[in-house]
């Protein structure tokens, strides 16, 4: 299968998430150092989470927008024909990081609080964290997506 032609592709490192996981790892080592099995299992779980959520890649082709975490974990796509509008937003700090169901809809984020909010034909909103929102909106506008 041929590699798609990307009109936009950006990978954001999950710096904030990795820092939180590193601090959790340090805490686990201190708290469970007498219980080697518990410590090793806990650290292994943290390493798996860190690998899966180490980054968030957003891409745009001629007919869809897609995103995935880390090593293509939790890969999602939406046809551009299903998007009515897009806008830059700032997410609330207490929404956290990762995959979250927030009051406005699904949120996918690995670092920071800047994101784009996509509104679908159904009215559903999907928010994707990015540190390159202005450039992404510019590309969406080229694909006839209404930018607010």
N, C-alpha and C. Protein backbone atom coordinates (compact mmCIF):
# COMPACT_ATOMS: atom_id res chain seq x y z
N UNK A 1 0.85 -1.18 0.00
CA UNK A 1 0.00 0.00 0.00
C UNK A 1 0.89 1.24 0.00
N UNK A 2 0.58 2.18 -0.87
CA UNK A 2 1.39 3.38 -1.00
C UNK A 2 1.17 4.32 0.18
N UNK A 3 2.22 5.01 0.53
CA UNK A 3 2.16 6.02 1.60
C UNK A 3 1.30 7.18 1.11
N UNK A 4 0.34 7.66 1.94
CA UNK A 4 -0.50 8.78 1.50
C UNK A 4 0.31 10.06 1.33
N UNK A 5 -0.22 10.97 0.54
CA UNK A 5 0.41 12.27 0.37
C UNK A 5 -0.15 13.18 1.46
N UNK A 6 0.74 13.66 2.31
CA UNK A 6 0.33 14.51 3.42
C UNK A 6 0.36 15.97 3.01
N UNK A 7 -0.71 16.69 3.29
CA UNK A 7 -0.76 18.13 3.08
C UNK A 7 -0.28 18.84 4.35
N UNK A 8 -0.31 18.09 5.44
CA UNK A 8 0.15 18.60 6.74
C UNK A 8 0.48 17.38 7.60
N UNK A 9 1.55 17.49 8.36
CA UNK A 9 1.92 16.44 9.31
C UNK A 9 2.78 17.07 10.39
N UNK A 10 2.36 16.87 11.65
CA UNK A 10 3.09 17.46 12.77
C UNK A 10 3.07 16.50 13.94
N UNK A 11 4.23 16.33 14.55
CA UNK A 11 4.37 15.45 15.71
C UNK A 11 4.76 16.29 16.92
N UNK A 12 3.92 16.27 17.94
CA UNK A 12 4.22 16.98 19.19
C UNK A 12 4.68 15.97 20.23
N UNK A 13 5.84 16.23 20.81
CA UNK A 13 6.33 15.38 21.89
C UNK A 13 5.49 15.60 23.14
N UNK A 14 5.23 14.53 23.84
CA UNK A 14 4.43 14.61 25.06
C UNK A 14 5.26 14.95 26.27
N UNK A 15 5.94 16.07 26.24
CA UNK A 15 6.86 16.46 27.30
C UNK A 15 6.19 16.48 28.67
N UNK A 16 5.04 17.11 28.78
CA UNK A 16 4.36 17.22 30.08
C UNK A 16 3.99 15.83 30.60
N UNK A 17 3.46 15.00 29.74
CA UNK A 17 3.07 13.66 30.16
C UNK A 17 4.28 12.83 30.59
N UNK A 18 5.37 12.95 29.86
CA UNK A 18 6.58 12.19 30.20
C UNK A 18 7.17 12.66 31.53
N UNK A 19 7.08 13.95 31.81
CA UNK A 19 7.57 14.46 33.11
C UNK A 19 6.71 13.91 34.25
N UNK A 20 5.39 13.92 34.05
CA UNK A 20 4.51 13.38 35.09
C UNK A 20 4.80 11.90 35.32
N UNK A 21 4.98 11.15 34.25
CA UNK A 21 5.28 9.72 34.39
C UNK A 21 6.63 9.48 35.05
N UNK A 22 7.61 10.31 34.75
CA UNK A 22 8.93 10.18 35.39
C UNK A 22 8.82 10.43 36.89
N UNK A 23 8.05 11.45 37.26
CA UNK A 23 7.85 11.73 38.69
C UNK A 23 7.11 10.59 39.38
N UNK A 24 6.13 10.01 38.69
CA UNK A 24 5.44 8.83 39.24
C UNK A 24 6.41 7.66 39.42
N UNK A 25 7.32 7.50 38.46
CA UNK A 25 8.32 6.44 38.55
C UNK A 25 9.23 6.61 39.75
N UNK A 26 9.66 7.84 39.97
CA UNK A 26 10.51 8.12 41.13
C UNK A 26 9.76 7.82 42.42
N UNK A 27 8.51 8.26 42.50
CA UNK A 27 7.69 7.99 43.67
C UNK A 27 7.53 6.48 43.88
N UNK A 28 7.28 5.74 42.81
CA UNK A 28 7.12 4.28 42.93
C UNK A 28 8.39 3.61 43.44
N UNK A 29 9.52 4.06 42.96
CA UNK A 29 10.78 3.46 43.41
C UNK A 29 10.96 3.69 44.90
N UNK A 30 10.69 4.91 45.34
CA UNK A 30 10.84 5.24 46.76
C UNK A 30 9.80 4.48 47.60
N UNK A 31 8.56 4.45 47.13
CA UNK A 31 7.47 3.86 47.92
C UNK A 31 7.48 2.33 47.93
N UNK A 32 8.02 1.72 46.88
CA UNK A 32 7.92 0.25 46.79
C UNK A 32 9.28 -0.45 46.74
N UNK A 33 10.35 0.25 47.11
CA UNK A 33 11.69 -0.35 46.97
C UNK A 33 11.86 -1.65 47.75
N UNK A 34 11.05 -1.86 48.77
CA UNK A 34 11.14 -3.11 49.53
C UNK A 34 10.32 -4.23 48.90
N UNK A 35 9.52 -3.90 47.94
CA UNK A 35 8.67 -4.88 47.25
C UNK A 35 9.04 -4.91 45.77
N UNK A 36 10.08 -5.62 45.46
CA UNK A 36 10.68 -5.60 44.12
C UNK A 36 9.67 -5.97 43.03
N UNK A 37 8.85 -6.99 43.26
CA UNK A 37 7.90 -7.41 42.24
C UNK A 37 6.90 -6.29 41.94
N UNK A 38 6.35 -5.68 42.98
CA UNK A 38 5.40 -4.58 42.81
C UNK A 38 6.08 -3.42 42.10
N UNK A 39 7.29 -3.10 42.50
CA UNK A 39 8.02 -1.99 41.89
C UNK A 39 8.26 -2.28 40.40
N UNK A 40 8.73 -3.47 40.08
CA UNK A 40 9.03 -3.79 38.69
C UNK A 40 7.78 -3.79 37.81
N UNK A 41 6.68 -4.34 38.32
CA UNK A 41 5.44 -4.34 37.55
C UNK A 41 4.92 -2.91 37.34
N UNK A 42 5.00 -2.11 38.38
CA UNK A 42 4.54 -0.72 38.28
C UNK A 42 5.40 0.07 37.30
N UNK A 43 6.71 -0.10 37.36
CA UNK A 43 7.59 0.60 36.44
C UNK A 43 7.39 0.13 35.00
N UNK A 44 7.15 -1.17 34.84
CA UNK A 44 6.87 -1.69 33.49
C UNK A 44 5.61 -1.06 32.91
N UNK A 45 4.58 -0.92 33.74
CA UNK A 45 3.34 -0.28 33.30
C UNK A 45 3.59 1.18 32.91
N UNK A 46 4.38 1.89 33.71
CA UNK A 46 4.71 3.29 33.39
C UNK A 46 5.47 3.39 32.07
N UNK A 47 6.37 2.47 31.83
CA UNK A 47 7.14 2.48 30.58
C UNK A 47 6.23 2.23 29.38
N UNK A 48 5.28 1.32 29.53
CA UNK A 48 4.32 1.05 28.46
C UNK A 48 3.48 2.30 28.18
N UNK A 49 2.98 2.93 29.22
CA UNK A 49 2.18 4.15 29.06
C UNK A 49 3.02 5.25 28.42
N UNK A 50 4.27 5.40 28.87
CA UNK A 50 5.15 6.43 28.30
C UNK A 50 5.39 6.18 26.81
N UNK A 51 5.55 4.92 26.42
CA UNK A 51 5.78 4.59 25.02
C UNK A 51 4.53 4.88 24.18
N UNK A 52 3.38 4.48 24.69
CA UNK A 52 2.14 4.66 23.94
C UNK A 52 1.75 6.13 23.79
N UNK A 53 2.01 6.94 24.82
CA UNK A 53 1.59 8.34 24.81
C UNK A 53 2.76 9.32 24.73
N UNK A 54 3.88 8.91 24.16
CA UNK A 54 5.07 9.77 24.11
C UNK A 54 4.92 10.95 23.16
N UNK A 55 3.99 10.86 22.22
CA UNK A 55 3.80 11.94 21.26
C UNK A 55 2.39 11.87 20.68
N UNK A 56 2.02 12.93 20.00
CA UNK A 56 0.74 12.97 19.28
C UNK A 56 1.03 13.52 17.89
N UNK A 57 0.73 12.72 16.88
CA UNK A 57 0.93 13.12 15.49
C UNK A 57 -0.42 13.42 14.86
N UNK A 58 -0.50 14.58 14.22
CA UNK A 58 -1.70 14.98 13.49
C UNK A 58 -1.31 15.10 12.02
N UNK A 59 -2.14 14.56 11.14
CA UNK A 59 -1.85 14.68 9.71
C UNK A 59 -3.12 15.00 8.94
N UNK A 60 -2.90 15.55 7.76
CA UNK A 60 -3.99 15.95 6.88
C UNK A 60 -3.66 15.46 5.48
N UNK A 61 -4.59 14.75 4.87
CA UNK A 61 -4.45 14.36 3.47
C UNK A 61 -5.51 15.12 2.67
N UNK A 62 -5.67 14.78 1.41
CA UNK A 62 -6.64 15.50 0.59
C UNK A 62 -8.08 15.28 1.04
N UNK A 63 -8.34 14.19 1.80
CA UNK A 63 -9.73 13.91 2.14
C UNK A 63 -9.99 13.59 3.62
N UNK A 64 -8.95 13.63 4.47
CA UNK A 64 -9.19 13.32 5.88
C UNK A 64 -8.15 13.96 6.78
N UNK A 65 -8.54 14.08 8.04
CA UNK A 65 -7.60 14.46 9.10
C UNK A 65 -7.48 13.25 10.00
N UNK A 66 -6.28 13.00 10.47
CA UNK A 66 -6.05 11.86 11.34
C UNK A 66 -5.06 12.20 12.43
N UNK A 67 -5.07 11.39 13.47
CA UNK A 67 -4.13 11.59 14.57
C UNK A 67 -3.91 10.26 15.27
N UNK A 68 -2.73 10.17 15.88
CA UNK A 68 -2.41 8.97 16.66
C UNK A 68 -1.37 9.30 17.72
N UNK A 69 -1.36 8.51 18.76
CA UNK A 69 -0.38 8.64 19.83
C UNK A 69 0.81 7.75 19.54
N UNK A 70 1.97 8.16 20.00
CA UNK A 70 3.19 7.34 19.99
C UNK A 70 3.37 6.51 18.75
N UNK A 71 3.41 5.20 18.94
CA UNK A 71 3.65 4.25 17.86
C UNK A 71 2.35 3.87 17.15
N UNK A 72 1.60 4.86 16.71
CA UNK A 72 0.30 4.70 16.05
C UNK A 72 -0.72 4.03 16.95
N UNK A 73 -0.63 4.33 18.24
CA UNK A 73 -1.61 3.86 19.20
C UNK A 73 -2.82 4.77 19.17
N UNK A 74 -3.99 4.20 19.19
CA UNK A 74 -5.26 4.92 19.20
C UNK A 74 -5.35 5.83 17.99
N UNK A 75 -5.27 5.25 16.83
CA UNK A 75 -5.31 5.96 15.57
C UNK A 75 -6.75 6.30 15.20
N UNK A 76 -7.02 7.58 14.89
CA UNK A 76 -8.35 8.04 14.53
C UNK A 76 -8.27 8.87 13.25
N UNK A 77 -9.32 8.82 12.45
CA UNK A 77 -9.42 9.67 11.27
C UNK A 77 -10.86 10.17 11.14
N UNK A 78 -10.99 11.33 10.50
CA UNK A 78 -12.30 11.90 10.20
C UNK A 78 -12.24 12.40 8.75
N UNK A 79 -13.22 12.03 7.94
CA UNK A 79 -13.26 12.59 6.58
C UNK A 79 -13.45 14.11 6.66
N UNK A 80 -12.74 14.85 5.84
CA UNK A 80 -12.87 16.30 5.85
C UNK A 80 -14.30 16.72 5.49
N UNK A 81 -14.98 15.90 4.70
CA UNK A 81 -16.37 16.21 4.33
C UNK A 81 -17.32 16.15 5.53
N UNK A 82 -16.86 15.58 6.64
CA UNK A 82 -17.67 15.46 7.85
C UNK A 82 -17.39 16.59 8.85
N UNK A 83 -16.50 17.51 8.50
CA UNK A 83 -16.13 18.60 9.42
C UNK A 83 -16.76 19.89 8.92
N UNK A 84 -17.51 20.55 9.81
CA UNK A 84 -18.15 21.82 9.43
C UNK A 84 -17.30 23.03 9.80
N UNK A 85 -16.51 22.91 10.89
CA UNK A 85 -15.68 24.05 11.29
C UNK A 85 -14.54 23.59 12.19
N UNK A 86 -13.58 24.50 12.34
CA UNK A 86 -12.42 24.25 13.21
C UNK A 86 -12.04 25.58 13.86
N UNK A 87 -11.55 25.48 15.10
CA UNK A 87 -11.10 26.69 15.77
C UNK A 87 -10.03 26.34 16.79
N UNK A 88 -9.20 27.34 17.11
CA UNK A 88 -8.19 27.20 18.15
C UNK A 88 -8.85 27.40 19.50
N UNK A 89 -8.49 26.57 20.47
CA UNK A 89 -9.00 26.76 21.82
C UNK A 89 -7.87 26.52 22.82
N UNK A 90 -8.12 26.91 24.04
CA UNK A 90 -7.24 26.61 25.16
C UNK A 90 -8.02 25.67 26.08
N UNK A 91 -7.47 24.51 26.33
CA UNK A 91 -8.17 23.55 27.18
C UNK A 91 -7.96 23.90 28.65
N UNK A 92 -8.83 23.43 29.49
CA UNK A 92 -8.71 23.65 30.93
C UNK A 92 -7.59 22.76 31.47
N UNK A 93 -6.80 23.28 32.40
CA UNK A 93 -5.67 22.51 32.94
C UNK A 93 -6.15 21.23 33.62
N UNK A 94 -7.32 21.27 34.22
CA UNK A 94 -7.79 20.11 34.97
C UNK A 94 -8.39 19.02 34.07
N UNK A 95 -8.44 19.25 32.76
CA UNK A 95 -8.86 18.18 31.85
C UNK A 95 -7.79 17.11 31.74
N UNK A 96 -6.56 17.46 32.09
CA UNK A 96 -5.49 16.47 32.11
C UNK A 96 -4.91 16.18 30.73
N UNK A 97 -4.19 15.07 30.67
CA UNK A 97 -3.49 14.65 29.45
C UNK A 97 -3.96 13.26 29.04
N UNK A 98 -3.77 12.94 27.78
CA UNK A 98 -4.16 11.62 27.28
C UNK A 98 -5.47 11.71 26.51
N UNK A 99 -6.31 10.71 26.68
CA UNK A 99 -7.61 10.65 26.02
C UNK A 99 -8.66 10.88 27.10
N UNK A 100 -9.48 11.89 26.91
CA UNK A 100 -10.45 12.27 27.94
C UNK A 100 -11.80 12.59 27.30
N UNK A 101 -12.85 12.26 28.02
CA UNK A 101 -14.18 12.72 27.65
C UNK A 101 -14.45 13.95 28.51
N UNK A 102 -14.49 15.12 27.88
CA UNK A 102 -14.70 16.38 28.58
C UNK A 102 -16.09 16.91 28.20
N UNK A 103 -16.57 17.96 28.85
CA UNK A 103 -17.92 18.44 28.57
C UNK A 103 -18.22 18.71 27.09
N UNK A 104 -17.23 19.18 26.33
CA UNK A 104 -17.47 19.49 24.92
C UNK A 104 -17.36 18.27 24.00
N UNK A 105 -16.79 17.17 24.47
CA UNK A 105 -16.60 15.98 23.64
C UNK A 105 -15.28 15.31 23.96
N UNK A 106 -14.73 14.57 23.00
CA UNK A 106 -13.46 13.86 23.22
C UNK A 106 -12.27 14.79 23.07
N UNK A 107 -11.29 14.61 23.95
CA UNK A 107 -10.05 15.38 23.95
C UNK A 107 -8.89 14.41 23.84
N UNK A 108 -7.96 14.73 22.93
CA UNK A 108 -6.73 13.94 22.73
C UNK A 108 -5.58 14.93 22.90
N UNK A 109 -4.73 14.73 23.92
CA UNK A 109 -3.69 15.73 24.19
C UNK A 109 -2.52 15.09 24.94
N UNK A 110 -1.29 15.52 24.62
CA UNK A 110 -0.11 14.97 25.30
C UNK A 110 0.72 16.02 26.03
N UNK A 111 0.51 17.30 25.71
CA UNK A 111 1.31 18.33 26.36
C UNK A 111 0.65 19.69 26.15
N UNK A 112 0.80 20.57 27.11
CA UNK A 112 0.28 21.92 26.98
C UNK A 112 -1.24 21.97 27.07
N UNK A 113 -1.79 23.12 26.67
CA UNK A 113 -3.24 23.28 26.73
C UNK A 113 -3.80 23.93 25.46
N UNK A 114 -3.00 23.98 24.41
CA UNK A 114 -3.46 24.52 23.13
C UNK A 114 -4.00 23.37 22.28
N UNK A 115 -5.09 23.64 21.58
CA UNK A 115 -5.73 22.58 20.80
C UNK A 115 -6.57 23.17 19.68
N UNK A 116 -6.97 22.31 18.76
CA UNK A 116 -7.97 22.68 17.77
C UNK A 116 -9.23 21.89 18.10
N UNK A 117 -10.35 22.56 17.94
CA UNK A 117 -11.64 21.92 18.16
C UNK A 117 -12.32 21.77 16.81
N UNK A 118 -12.62 20.53 16.45
CA UNK A 118 -13.29 20.24 15.19
C UNK A 118 -14.76 20.00 15.48
N UNK A 119 -15.64 20.60 14.69
CA UNK A 119 -17.07 20.34 14.82
C UNK A 119 -17.51 19.53 13.61
N UNK A 120 -18.15 18.39 13.89
CA UNK A 120 -18.61 17.50 12.82
C UNK A 120 -20.03 17.85 12.39
N UNK A 121 -20.46 17.31 11.29
CA UNK A 121 -21.82 17.53 10.78
C UNK A 121 -22.87 17.17 11.82
N UNK A 122 -22.59 16.16 12.62
CA UNK A 122 -23.52 15.71 13.66
C UNK A 122 -23.59 16.67 14.84
N UNK A 123 -22.67 17.64 14.89
CA UNK A 123 -22.59 18.56 16.02
C UNK A 123 -21.56 18.11 17.05
N UNK A 124 -21.08 16.87 16.93
CA UNK A 124 -20.05 16.35 17.85
C UNK A 124 -18.79 17.19 17.72
N UNK A 125 -18.15 17.43 18.85
CA UNK A 125 -16.89 18.18 18.86
C UNK A 125 -15.76 17.25 19.29
N UNK A 126 -14.64 17.37 18.60
CA UNK A 126 -13.44 16.61 18.92
C UNK A 126 -12.32 17.62 19.06
N UNK A 127 -11.58 17.50 20.16
CA UNK A 127 -10.48 18.43 20.43
C UNK A 127 -9.17 17.68 20.39
N UNK A 128 -8.22 18.22 19.63
CA UNK A 128 -6.91 17.58 19.46
C UNK A 128 -5.84 18.59 19.88
N UNK A 129 -5.05 18.21 20.87
CA UNK A 129 -3.98 19.08 21.35
C UNK A 129 -2.90 19.24 20.30
N UNK A 130 -2.38 20.46 20.20
CA UNK A 130 -1.29 20.73 19.26
C UNK A 130 -0.55 22.00 19.65
N UNK A 131 0.73 22.02 19.36
CA UNK A 131 1.52 23.24 19.54
C UNK A 131 1.75 23.93 18.20
N UNK A 132 0.96 23.54 17.19
CA UNK A 132 1.09 24.09 15.84
C UNK A 132 -0.30 24.41 15.26
N UNK A 133 -1.19 24.88 16.11
CA UNK A 133 -2.58 25.07 15.74
C UNK A 133 -2.81 26.05 14.60
N UNK A 134 -2.10 27.17 14.59
CA UNK A 134 -2.31 28.18 13.54
C UNK A 134 -1.99 27.61 12.16
N UNK A 135 -0.90 26.87 12.08
CA UNK A 135 -0.52 26.28 10.79
C UNK A 135 -1.53 25.22 10.36
N UNK A 136 -2.01 24.40 11.31
CA UNK A 136 -3.00 23.39 10.99
C UNK A 136 -4.31 24.03 10.51
N UNK A 137 -4.75 25.09 11.18
CA UNK A 137 -5.97 25.78 10.75
C UNK A 137 -5.82 26.36 9.34
N UNK A 138 -4.64 26.88 9.05
CA UNK A 138 -4.37 27.42 7.71
C UNK A 138 -4.52 26.32 6.65
N UNK A 139 -4.02 25.14 6.97
CA UNK A 139 -4.13 24.02 6.03
C UNK A 139 -5.58 23.54 5.91
N UNK A 140 -6.32 23.51 7.03
CA UNK A 140 -7.73 23.12 6.98
C UNK A 140 -8.54 24.10 6.13
N UNK A 141 -8.22 25.37 6.25
CA UNK A 141 -8.91 26.40 5.48
C UNK A 141 -8.69 26.18 3.97
N UNK A 142 -7.49 25.76 3.60
CA UNK A 142 -7.21 25.44 2.20
C UNK A 142 -8.08 24.30 1.70
N UNK A 143 -8.55 23.47 2.63
CA UNK A 143 -9.42 22.33 2.27
C UNK A 143 -10.90 22.69 2.46
N UNK A 144 -11.19 23.98 2.49
CA UNK A 144 -12.56 24.51 2.56
C UNK A 144 -13.28 24.20 3.86
N UNK A 145 -12.50 24.08 4.95
CA UNK A 145 -13.08 23.94 6.27
C UNK A 145 -13.25 25.35 6.85
N UNK A 146 -14.43 25.65 7.37
CA UNK A 146 -14.68 26.96 7.96
C UNK A 146 -13.84 27.09 9.23
N UNK A 147 -12.99 28.13 9.27
CA UNK A 147 -12.13 28.38 10.42
C UNK A 147 -12.70 29.56 11.19
N UNK A 148 -12.94 29.34 12.48
CA UNK A 148 -13.52 30.39 13.33
C UNK A 148 -12.42 31.16 14.03
